[in-house]
Amino acid sequence: MSVSKEDIKKVSKLARIKVSEEKAIELKNSLNNVLNFVEQLSEVDCSMIDNTVQYSTKTHERSDIIENTDIEGIMINAPEKQCNMFVVPKVIN
């Protein structure tokens, strides 16, 4: 797979980024170098290497237990409070 200068121009237009002709050629060469390197990596024989990471699909949930019920201690730092709740400024008109 290779990238052409037209591909660079198309992507830059979609991203709304102005790219000069010289920069497009430079980017084309850089991206083609990266793609060539990735193709070389696919040729490496990894059949003798064991998988080292195994992902578990089970989620680890914790029970929802209130541990600190010192409401007065928590509310002492509130700049403004009402009925044991923090008062915050309105952000939606």
Protein backbone atom coordinates (compact mmCIF):
# COMPACT_ATOMS: atom_id res chain seq x y z
CA MET A 1 0.00 0.00 0.00
CA SER A 2 1.25 3.47 -0.75
CA VAL A 3 0.01 7.00 -0.33
CA SER A 4 -0.13 9.41 -3.25
CA LYS A 5 0.12 13.18 -3.24
CA GLU A 6 -3.56 13.28 -4.21
CA ASP A 7 -4.40 11.25 -1.09
CA ILE A 8 -2.56 13.80 1.05
CA LYS A 9 -4.40 16.67 -0.62
CA LYS A 10 -7.77 14.94 -0.17
CA VAL A 11 -7.18 14.25 3.54
CA SER A 12 -5.90 17.78 4.12
CA LYS A 13 -9.04 19.16 2.47
CA LEU A 14 -11.27 16.94 4.64
CA ALA A 15 -9.35 18.05 7.74
CA ARG A 16 -9.48 21.67 6.57
CA ILE A 17 -5.69 21.96 6.81
CA LYS A 18 -3.84 23.97 4.20
CA VAL A 19 -0.90 21.92 2.85
CA SER A 20 1.54 23.31 0.30
CA GLU A 21 2.80 21.23 -2.64
CA GLU A 22 6.23 20.81 -1.03
CA LYS A 23 4.71 19.74 2.29
CA ALA A 24 2.38 17.29 0.50
CA ILE A 25 5.36 15.62 -1.16
CA GLU A 26 7.22 15.51 2.17
CA LEU A 27 4.18 13.99 3.94
CA LYS A 28 3.70 11.46 1.13
CA ASN A 29 7.29 10.29 1.48
CA SER A 30 7.08 10.11 5.27
CA LEU A 31 3.83 8.15 5.27
CA ASN A 32 5.12 5.75 2.63
CA ASN A 33 8.22 5.13 4.78
CA VAL A 34 6.00 4.31 7.76
CA LEU A 35 3.82 1.99 5.68
CA ASN A 36 6.87 0.21 4.28
CA PHE A 37 8.17 -0.34 7.80
CA VAL A 38 4.82 -1.77 8.90
CA GLU A 39 4.89 -4.14 5.93
CA GLN A 40 8.33 -5.31 7.02
CA LEU A 41 7.00 -6.03 10.50
CA SER A 42 4.32 -8.30 9.05
CA GLU A 43 7.09 -10.51 7.62
CA VAL A 44 8.53 -11.28 11.08
CA ASP A 45 7.86 -14.86 12.21
CA CYS A 46 6.16 -14.68 15.61
CA SER A 47 4.89 -18.27 15.70
CA MET A 48 7.31 -19.25 18.48
CA ILE A 49 6.26 -16.40 20.77
CA ASP A 50 3.57 -17.07 23.36
CA ASN A 51 0.85 -14.55 24.05
CA THR A 52 1.86 -12.55 27.10
CA VAL A 53 -1.31 -10.59 27.74
CA GLN A 54 -4.74 -12.05 28.32
CA TYR A 55 -7.73 -9.83 28.78
CA SER A 56 -10.62 -10.72 30.99
CA THR A 57 -14.11 -9.76 29.85
CA LYS A 58 -15.45 -9.95 33.39
CA THR A 59 -15.88 -6.56 35.04
CA HIS A 60 -14.74 -6.15 38.60
CA GLU A 61 -17.49 -4.41 40.47
CA ARG A 62 -17.35 -3.16 44.00
CA SER A 63 -20.33 -2.82 46.26
CA ASP A 64 -21.74 0.66 46.66
CA ILE A 65 -21.21 1.21 50.37
CA ILE A 66 -21.14 4.63 51.99
CA GLU A 67 -17.98 4.76 54.08
CA ASN A 68 -17.88 8.38 55.24
CA THR A 69 -21.09 9.84 56.59
CA ASP A 70 -19.56 12.93 58.19
CA ILE A 71 -21.79 15.36 56.28
CA GLU A 72 -20.99 18.28 58.58
CA GLY A 73 -17.25 17.72 58.07
CA ILE A 74 -17.66 17.61 54.33
CA MET A 75 -19.97 20.64 54.16
CA ILE A 76 -17.63 22.77 56.29
CA ASN A 77 -15.53 23.50 53.17
CA ALA A 78 -18.51 24.41 50.95
CA PRO A 79 -18.47 28.07 49.93
CA GLU A 80 -22.27 28.00 49.77
CA LYS A 81 -24.64 25.31 51.03
CA GLN A 82 -28.34 24.73 51.47
CA CYS A 83 -30.06 21.73 53.18
CA ASN A 84 -26.75 19.81 53.43
CA MET A 85 -26.12 20.19 49.69
CA PHE A 86 -23.57 22.18 47.72
CA VAL A 87 -24.97 25.24 45.92
CA VAL A 88 -23.38 25.67 42.49
CA PRO A 89 -23.88 28.40 39.91
CA LYS A 90 -26.38 27.81 37.14
CA VAL A 91 -24.57 26.85 33.92
CA ILE A 92 -27.53 26.38 31.53
CA ASN A 93 -29.76 29.28 30.56
